[in-house]
Each structure stands twice: as C-alpha cells, then as structure tokens.
Protein backbone atom coordinates (compact mmCIF):
# COMPACT_ATOMS: atom_id res chain seq x y z
CA GLU A 1 -12.04 0.00 6.50
CA LYS A 2 -13.64 0.99 3.23
CA THR A 3 -12.00 -0.29 0.04
CA LEU A 4 -11.87 2.46 -2.58
CA PRO A 5 -12.24 1.80 -6.30
CA ALA A 6 -9.19 1.83 -8.53
CA ARG A 7 -7.48 5.13 -9.17
CA PHE A 8 -8.99 7.45 -11.72
CA PHE A 9 -7.34 5.95 -14.81
CA ASN A 10 -8.77 2.43 -14.40
CA ASN A 11 -12.22 2.86 -15.99
CA THR A 12 -11.50 3.20 -19.71
CA LEU A 13 -13.88 4.37 -22.45
CA ILE A 14 -11.33 4.50 -25.27
CA SER A 15 -7.60 3.95 -25.54
CA SER A 16 -5.01 3.59 -28.25
CA GLY A 17 -1.57 2.05 -28.17
CA GLY A 18 1.53 1.44 -30.20
CA PRO A 19 2.81 -1.75 -31.86
CA GLN A 20 3.88 -3.42 -28.61
CA GLN A 21 0.95 -1.99 -26.61
CA PHE A 22 3.23 -1.17 -23.67
CA THR A 23 2.01 2.41 -23.42
CA ASN A 24 -1.07 4.35 -24.41
CA ILE A 25 -1.01 6.90 -27.20
CA PHE A 26 -4.06 8.33 -25.48
CA LYS A 27 -6.61 7.14 -22.95
CA ILE A 28 -10.01 8.55 -21.96
CA GLY A 29 -12.41 7.30 -19.30
CA VAL A 30 -14.50 8.11 -16.25
CA ASN A 31 -12.93 8.49 -12.82
CA PRO A 32 -14.39 5.53 -10.89
CA ARG A 33 -13.58 6.82 -7.41
CA ASP A 34 -16.41 7.59 -5.02
CA SER A 35 -14.30 9.76 -2.74
CA VAL A 36 -11.67 12.45 -3.25
CA ASP A 37 -8.52 11.33 -5.05
CA THR A 38 -5.16 13.12 -4.91
CA THR A 39 -2.38 13.00 -7.48
CA SER A 40 1.31 12.71 -6.60
CA ASP A 41 1.70 16.50 -6.83
CA GLY A 42 -1.11 17.05 -4.32
CA THR A 43 -3.86 17.94 -6.82
CA VAL A 44 -7.32 16.97 -5.59
CA VAL A 45 -9.16 15.19 -8.39
CA ASN A 46 -12.90 15.46 -9.00
CA ILE A 47 -14.69 12.17 -8.38
CA GLY A 48 -16.65 10.96 -11.38
CA GLY A 49 -15.03 13.39 -13.83
CA ILE A 50 -13.64 12.54 -17.28
CA PHE A 51 -9.94 11.64 -17.23
CA PHE A 52 -7.50 11.96 -20.10
CA ALA A 53 -3.86 11.04 -20.68
CA ASP A 54 -1.60 11.11 -23.74
CA SER A 55 1.79 9.72 -24.74
CA ALA A 56 3.78 12.28 -22.81
CA ALA A 57 1.61 12.79 -19.73
CA ALA A 58 1.00 11.08 -16.44
CA TYR A 59 -2.60 10.16 -15.69
CA ASN A 60 -3.33 13.50 -14.10
CA ASN A 61 -5.83 15.24 -16.36
CA VAL A 62 -9.39 15.05 -15.06
CA VAL A 63 -12.05 17.31 -16.61
CA PRO A 64 -13.38 19.19 -14.84
CA LEU A 65 -10.70 19.02 -12.18
CA SER A 66 -13.22 20.10 -9.58
CA GLY A 67 -16.78 21.31 -9.54
CA GLY A 68 -19.12 18.66 -8.26
CA VAL A 69 -19.99 16.61 -11.35
CA ASN A 70 -20.15 12.85 -11.06
CA TYR A 71 -20.87 10.80 -14.17
CA ASN A 72 -20.95 7.55 -12.18
CA ASP A 73 -24.64 8.17 -11.51
CA GLY A 74 -26.27 5.26 -13.34
CA GLU A 75 -27.59 7.56 -16.08
CA TRP A 76 -26.76 7.73 -19.79
CA HIS A 77 -24.47 10.60 -20.79
CA ARG A 78 -23.29 11.79 -24.21
CA LEU A 79 -19.53 12.45 -24.29
CA VAL A 80 -17.88 14.27 -27.20
CA VAL A 81 -14.12 14.90 -27.31
CA SER A 82 -12.86 17.25 -30.02
CA ARG A 83 -9.26 18.05 -30.97
CA PRO A 84 -8.13 20.57 -33.64
CA SER A 85 -5.94 19.20 -36.42
CA GLY A 86 -2.19 19.62 -36.30
CA SER A 87 0.83 18.12 -34.62
CA GLY A 88 2.19 19.22 -31.28
CA ASN A 89 0.18 20.29 -28.28
CA GLN A 90 -3.49 20.95 -29.05
CA ASP A 91 -6.26 21.38 -26.49
CA LEU A 92 -8.94 18.71 -26.34
CA THR A 93 -12.39 20.09 -25.58
CA PHE A 94 -14.70 17.82 -23.61
CA TYR A 95 -18.49 18.06 -23.91
CA VAL A 96 -21.02 16.15 -21.83
CA ASP A 97 -24.72 16.19 -22.72
CA GLY A 98 -24.22 19.03 -25.19
CA SER A 99 -22.23 21.39 -22.96
CA SER A 100 -18.50 22.03 -22.63
CA ILE A 101 -17.01 20.85 -19.33
CA GLY A 102 -13.43 22.01 -19.97
CA THR A 103 -10.20 21.29 -21.83
CA ALA A 104 -6.96 19.35 -21.45
CA PRO A 105 -3.68 19.58 -23.41
CA CYS A 106 -3.15 16.78 -25.93
CA ASN A 107 0.09 15.84 -27.69
CA PRO A 108 -0.15 12.15 -28.60
CA LEU A 109 2.50 10.43 -30.70
CA TRP A 110 0.17 9.68 -33.60
CA ASP A 111 2.84 7.88 -35.65
CA ASN A 112 3.06 5.19 -32.95
CA MET A 113 -0.64 4.42 -33.01
CA SER A 114 -1.72 0.98 -34.21
CA VAL A 115 -4.72 -0.14 -32.14
CA PHE A 116 -7.97 1.41 -30.89
CA ASP A 117 -9.75 -0.15 -27.93
CA PHE A 118 -13.22 0.73 -26.68
CA GLY A 119 -14.29 -0.08 -23.14
CA GLN A 120 -10.86 -1.33 -22.07
CA GLU A 121 -7.14 -0.79 -22.14
CA TRP A 122 -4.95 -3.30 -23.92
CA ASP A 123 -1.23 -3.11 -23.20
CA GLY A 124 1.71 -5.43 -22.63
CA SER A 125 -0.04 -7.12 -19.71
CA GLY A 126 -3.19 -7.80 -21.75
CA GLU A 127 -6.75 -6.52 -21.40
CA SER A 128 -7.42 -4.40 -18.32
CA ASP A 129 -9.14 -1.33 -16.90
CA PHE A 130 -12.55 -2.31 -18.28
CA PHE A 131 -15.28 0.32 -18.44
CA GLN A 132 -17.80 -0.42 -15.69
CA GLY A 133 -20.90 0.60 -17.57
CA LYS A 134 -22.67 0.48 -20.92
CA MET A 135 -21.62 2.12 -24.18
CA SER A 136 -23.57 3.03 -27.30
CA ASN A 137 -23.23 5.10 -30.46
CA ILE A 138 -19.44 5.34 -30.85
CA GLN A 139 -18.33 7.67 -33.66
CA VAL A 140 -14.82 8.57 -34.84
CA TYR A 141 -14.19 11.56 -37.12
CA ASP A 142 -11.02 12.91 -38.69
CA TYR A 143 -12.23 16.51 -38.39
CA ALA A 144 -12.83 18.51 -35.22
CA TRP A 145 -16.39 19.20 -34.14
CA THR A 146 -17.45 22.74 -33.27
CA SER A 147 -19.64 23.59 -30.31
CA ASP A 148 -22.52 24.00 -32.80
CA ASP A 149 -21.96 20.43 -34.01
CA VAL A 150 -22.08 19.22 -30.42
CA THR A 151 -25.30 21.12 -29.71
CA TYR A 152 -26.93 19.73 -32.86
CA ASP A 153 -25.77 16.18 -32.09
CA TYR A 154 -27.23 16.25 -28.58
CA ALA A 155 -30.53 17.81 -29.69
CA ASN A 156 -30.95 15.31 -32.54
CA PRO A 157 -30.09 11.84 -31.18
CA ASN A 158 -31.45 10.07 -34.26
CA LYS A 159 -29.23 12.04 -36.64
CA LEU A 160 -25.49 12.54 -37.12
CA ALA A 161 -23.47 15.72 -36.77
CA ILE A 162 -22.91 15.67 -40.55
CA ASP A 163 -26.66 16.37 -40.88
CA ASN A 164 -26.20 19.74 -39.15
CA PRO A 165 -27.10 22.36 -41.81
CA SER A 166 -24.29 24.67 -40.65
CA THR A 167 -21.54 22.07 -40.17
CA SER A 168 -18.24 21.90 -42.02
CA LEU A 169 -18.22 18.11 -41.60
CA VAL A 170 -18.72 15.90 -44.65
CA VAL A 171 -19.67 12.23 -44.89
CA THR A 172 -16.09 11.06 -45.49
CA ASN A 173 -15.00 12.65 -42.18
CA LEU A 174 -16.94 9.90 -40.39
CA LYS A 175 -14.26 7.20 -40.21
CA ALA A 176 -16.04 4.76 -37.88
CA TYR A 177 -19.53 4.47 -36.45
CA TRP A 178 -20.59 1.64 -34.15
CA ALA A 179 -24.22 2.13 -33.11
CA LEU A 180 -23.95 -0.96 -30.86
CA SER A 181 -27.63 -1.62 -31.44
CA GLU A 182 -27.24 -5.25 -32.57
CA GLY A 183 -28.34 -6.57 -29.17
CA ASP A 184 -26.55 -9.90 -29.46
CA GLY A 185 -24.06 -11.79 -31.60
CA LEU A 186 -20.29 -11.80 -31.87
CA VAL A 187 -19.64 -8.67 -33.92
CA ALA A 188 -20.48 -4.97 -33.86
CA TYR A 189 -20.98 -3.40 -37.28
CA ASP A 190 -19.30 -0.21 -38.44
CA SER A 191 -21.64 2.09 -40.37
CA GLY A 192 -18.89 4.63 -41.13
CA THR A 193 -17.04 5.00 -44.39
CA ASN A 194 -14.82 1.98 -43.63
CA LEU A 195 -17.82 -0.40 -43.31
CA GLU A 196 -15.99 -2.97 -41.21
CA GLU A 197 -17.07 -5.18 -38.33
CA GLU A 198 -15.39 -5.70 -34.97
CA GLU A 199 -15.46 -8.74 -32.75
CA VAL A 200 -17.03 -8.34 -29.33
CA VAL A 201 -15.37 -10.34 -26.56
CA ASN A 202 -18.37 -12.38 -25.42
CA GLY A 203 -21.11 -11.07 -27.69
CA ASP A 204 -23.65 -10.08 -25.05
CA PHE A 205 -23.17 -6.30 -25.47
CA ALA A 206 -23.75 -5.89 -21.75
CA THR A 207 -20.23 -5.97 -20.33
CA ASP A 208 -18.10 -5.52 -23.45
CA SER A 209 -17.74 -2.90 -26.14
C-alpha cells in the first residue's frame, strides 16, 4: 500500500506564532501530497497548490482549490502573497511566477504575533513541518503589492519591486530582505531596512532557511 505524504499543511514556507508558539498566527506553504486530498467537510484539495491558514481558520485554504497546478515539480517558482492593510478579514492575493492564482480570506490576530519562521513551523512541540525544497530571495514589506508590482518583480529578477517606476512602494516599506545568496556559514543577512542577521540551523543553506 502506498504511503502518502503528510497532509497539505505540513510543508511550510513561512509561519508566525504567538508568545507560547502553540498556534500559528498565519501559515503558508505548498501542499506536499501527490494524490487528491479531502478536507473534513468533503472538499477535494488541489495537489501541489499553495495552502494558507490564519489564527481563526482550520487548515483548509488551498489556492487554487482545484485546477491542475502542481508546484512540487522540481522547478523554481516565485511566490508573492499580498494583503491590503487594515484589521479584520482581508483577502490575500496569491501570485506565482507573475500571475494571480487566486485569493483566500485572512484575519490573523496580529497583536499575538511574536515570531516569524521561514521553511518550518515552530510551535509548542518544537520545530516541525519543514519545507521540502529550496528557498531564495525572501522579502517582507509592510505595504501591499499591486499586480503591477508583481509583474515588474517577476520580469526584473535582479531588481526590487521598489524600483518599479509606477509603484507606490518606498524603500522603508521593505522591512526584511534575505537574498540567501551567502552559500555557506551560520547566518543569513538581512538587506532590508532592519539590517539584521538570522541564524541558520546548520549553515549549509541546502535544507534550512
């Protein structure tokens, strides 16, 4: 009998948790299943889609929910997730390789947020749900990207969205930027406005982020 991969929320690109790390404020990743998955309410989930969950939701948002995409294909993909400012429920828009693939409602409890994790989830049981792939060029902004920003970003891989002549973004909106181009060592350097460095678990930049 074939053993299926973990359910669709066990392959994490980015997550954030509260002070005790028992729950996620939000969590985004790639559905690792290689066959059809079904949620508790009977929804059939697209294999290889982008999953999302927030503070108030079960892990049942996969974008697109159906439609034949599979990002577990061994190729590099550019993922952009954009959320308008404001409290309450706001739709996230997901873009892959410069094109919108859909939306999901987002209402995280921002005041409870204390930790960002890339390439894993970290909760009360410790590190888990590691991303089974490679990551590069992680950017965090405090201002929502437009579709024009996304198009510019994808067409100009050696530039930033703030270089887009028609953008409303400014340099100080870029709060963190890990190019992950160091190649080795124990830290990844932030080229954003905070100019910090982050420890990498084993420093080989092949299995950790």
